[in-house]
Amino acid sequence: MKQKKLPFFSGAGLTSLFMVFVILCLTAFAILSFSAVKSDWNLTNKHIQSIQSYYSADAKAQYILSEIDSKILLLRKENPSITEEELAKKLNGSVIDDITLAIAEGTADSYFTFSVPVGSIQEIQVTLLPTKGEKRYEIIKYKLAASQEWDGNDQPLTVWQGPHT
C-alpha cells in the first residue's frame, strides 16, 4: 500500500489560522467600539453639565428680574412721579443674589444691565429699560454670550502654508 503525502498546510491548520485571524479582528473591532462609546459617554456628560449650568443661570436671571420688578414697584409707590433715568440711577450698583446691576454703557442713562455667569466661559446678558405703567420694565436684551473675548493665544491654530520649496 502506498502512503499519501500530506500537503504543506493541512486542513486543520488552515482552519485554526483562519479562526485566530477572525478572533483578532473581532477583538480589534470590540476595542474600537468600546473607545467610541466611552468618547460618546464623556461628550454626553459634558453636554448635560452645560445644559444644567445654562438652566441654573437662567433661573437665577429670572429671580433677579423678579427682584428688580419688586424694587421698581416699591420705588414707584414711594415716588409715583419718578422718571426712568432716576429709577436706573437708584438701581445702579444694587446687588441681588451676588449680581450687580449697572447702567448700560453706550446707551441712554435709563438702561441698566446685569450678567449671570454660565460656567466659566459664557454668561447670560440682560439689558432692561424701566417703563411707566404696569409693565414696569422692558427687556431689551436677554442673550447667551461669551464672558470674555477670545484672542486665540491659549490655543494656537496651525494652518498649512503650502509646500516648502
Foldseek 3Di string as FASTA:
>chain_A
DDDDDADPDHPVNVVVVVVVVVVVVVVVVVVVVVVVVVVVVVVVVVVVLLVVLVVVQVVVVVVVVVVLLVVLVVVCVVPVPDDLLNSLVVQQQDADPNWGKHQDPPDPSNKIKIWGDRPDFKIWIWIWGADDDDVRIDTPGTDIDTPDDDPCPVPPDDDDPDDDD
